């Protein structure tokens, strides 16, 4: 049947969505296409999961929708399959979708110096177990 993740592994799945996919005999993430997700909010996505440059001003506002997140999951799975069949370091088949504009905008909000805690080297007062 499936060589990869099933539709039940889809982020934020619902009974209604699962029933729809099952009635269409779509059992694997690889069976899904962009038309299976309601991306009618005006956010243009290209076939590779990246955003179209046409509506960048409206696209880059706010968090991604649940449908967009699900479509990105499908695209990431496909990219992972493509890159596993060849060189895993091939930059032409990145495994993850990175929304560069949003990432850069968010990183500009960071205040330095940044502080990080290495949880492997601390010993808490209350043990984890």
Protein backbone atom coordinates (compact mmCIF):
# COMPACT_ATOMS: atom_id res chain seq x y z
CA UNK A 1 0.00 0.00 0.00
CA UNK A 2 2.11 2.92 1.29
CA UNK A 3 5.86 3.28 1.48
CA UNK A 4 5.68 6.43 3.57
CA UNK A 5 3.48 8.28 6.04
CA UNK A 6 -0.24 7.67 6.00
CA UNK A 7 -2.90 10.38 5.83
CA UNK A 8 -3.57 9.82 9.54
CA UNK A 9 -0.05 11.22 10.15
CA UNK A 10 -1.12 14.54 8.66
CA UNK A 11 -0.83 17.50 11.04
CA UNK A 12 -4.14 18.50 12.63
CA UNK A 13 -6.19 15.91 10.80
CA UNK A 14 -9.92 15.76 11.40
CA UNK A 15 -12.51 13.03 10.95
CA UNK A 16 -14.12 14.99 8.14
CA UNK A 17 -10.84 15.35 6.28
CA UNK A 18 -9.96 11.69 6.80
CA UNK A 19 -13.38 10.59 5.51
CA UNK A 20 -12.93 12.76 2.43
CA UNK A 21 -9.49 11.34 1.66
CA UNK A 22 -10.60 7.76 2.30
CA UNK A 23 -13.65 8.16 0.05
CA UNK A 24 -11.26 9.35 -2.68
CA UNK A 25 -9.01 6.32 -1.98
CA UNK A 26 -6.13 8.50 -0.83
CA UNK A 27 -4.29 6.62 1.92
CA UNK A 28 -0.75 8.01 1.82
CA UNK A 29 0.66 11.52 1.99
CA UNK A 30 2.14 10.86 -1.44
CA UNK A 31 -1.42 10.48 -2.81
CA UNK A 32 -2.31 14.07 -1.89
CA UNK A 33 -2.05 17.13 -4.12
CA UNK A 34 -2.39 20.88 -3.59
CA UNK A 35 -6.02 20.73 -4.68
CA UNK A 36 -6.80 18.53 -1.65
CA UNK A 37 -6.18 21.46 0.68
CA UNK A 38 -8.37 24.51 0.98
CA UNK A 39 -5.89 27.22 0.17
CA UNK A 40 -8.60 29.67 -0.85
CA UNK A 41 -7.40 32.35 1.57
CA UNK A 42 -5.52 34.00 -1.27
CA UNK A 43 -2.13 32.57 -0.37
CA UNK A 44 -0.49 31.50 -3.60
CA UNK A 45 1.69 28.40 -3.34
CA UNK A 46 3.77 27.02 -6.16
CA UNK A 47 3.92 23.32 -7.00
CA UNK A 48 7.07 22.91 -4.93
CA UNK A 49 5.38 24.37 -1.85
CA UNK A 50 7.04 27.76 -2.07
CA UNK A 51 5.09 30.97 -2.15
CA UNK A 52 4.44 32.88 -5.32
CA UNK A 53 6.10 36.30 -5.42
CA UNK A 54 2.91 37.94 -6.75
CA UNK A 55 1.16 38.60 -3.44
CA UNK A 56 4.13 38.79 -1.11
CA UNK A 57 2.64 41.72 0.80
CA UNK A 58 -0.44 39.74 1.83
CA UNK A 59 1.28 36.38 2.07
CA UNK A 60 3.86 37.44 4.65
CA UNK A 61 1.36 38.63 7.25
CA UNK A 62 0.37 36.41 10.13
CA UNK A 63 1.00 32.74 10.80
CA UNK A 64 0.49 30.03 8.23
CA UNK A 65 -2.91 28.37 8.10
CA UNK A 66 -3.59 24.76 9.03
CA UNK A 67 -4.09 23.91 5.35
CA UNK A 68 -0.78 25.50 4.42
CA UNK A 69 0.97 23.60 7.22
CA UNK A 70 -0.54 20.33 5.97
CA UNK A 71 0.50 21.05 2.38
CA UNK A 72 4.04 21.88 3.54
CA UNK A 73 4.11 18.52 5.35
CA UNK A 74 3.19 16.73 2.12
CA UNK A 75 5.82 18.70 0.18
CA UNK A 76 8.50 18.01 2.80
CA UNK A 77 7.73 14.29 2.60
CA UNK A 78 8.05 14.38 -1.20
CA UNK A 79 11.33 16.30 -1.03
CA UNK A 80 12.63 13.80 1.50
CA UNK A 81 11.80 10.93 -0.84
CA UNK A 82 13.48 12.70 -3.76
CA UNK A 83 16.64 13.48 -1.83
CA UNK A 84 16.88 9.98 -0.34
CA UNK A 85 17.03 8.54 -3.84
CA UNK A 86 20.12 10.63 -4.61
CA UNK A 87 22.73 12.68 -2.83
CA UNK A 88 21.30 13.80 0.57
CA UNK A 89 23.42 16.97 0.40
CA UNK A 90 22.00 17.96 -2.97
CA UNK A 91 20.97 21.61 -2.62
CA UNK A 92 18.57 21.33 -5.54
CA UNK A 93 16.31 19.06 -3.47
CA UNK A 94 16.15 20.63 0.00
CA UNK A 95 14.27 18.48 2.48
CA UNK A 96 12.55 21.33 4.29
CA UNK A 97 10.51 24.31 3.24
CA UNK A 98 11.97 27.47 4.68
CA UNK A 99 9.96 30.64 4.41
CA UNK A 100 12.97 32.89 4.20
CA UNK A 101 11.15 36.25 4.23
CA UNK A 102 9.23 35.38 7.38
CA UNK A 103 12.28 33.92 9.07
CA UNK A 104 14.34 37.01 8.36
CA UNK A 105 11.56 39.30 9.58
CA UNK A 106 11.20 37.32 12.81
CA UNK A 107 14.95 37.21 13.43
CA UNK A 108 15.12 41.01 13.12
CA UNK A 109 12.94 41.16 16.26
CA UNK A 110 15.48 39.26 18.33
CA UNK A 111 17.26 41.25 21.04
CA UNK A 112 20.90 40.52 21.71
CA UNK A 113 22.66 39.08 23.57
CA UNK A 114 20.79 35.81 23.18
CA UNK A 115 20.95 33.35 26.06
CA UNK A 116 20.78 29.59 25.68
CA UNK A 117 20.57 26.89 28.33
CA UNK A 118 22.20 23.53 27.63
CA UNK A 119 19.83 21.16 29.41
CA UNK A 120 22.32 18.32 29.23
CA UNK A 121 24.73 20.15 31.52
CA UNK A 122 22.38 21.50 34.18
CA UNK A 123 21.19 19.63 37.22
CA UNK A 124 17.72 20.72 38.26
CA UNK A 125 16.59 20.85 41.87
CA UNK A 126 13.71 18.50 41.07
CA UNK A 127 14.71 15.43 39.02
CA UNK A 128 12.89 14.71 35.76
CA UNK A 129 11.81 11.21 36.79
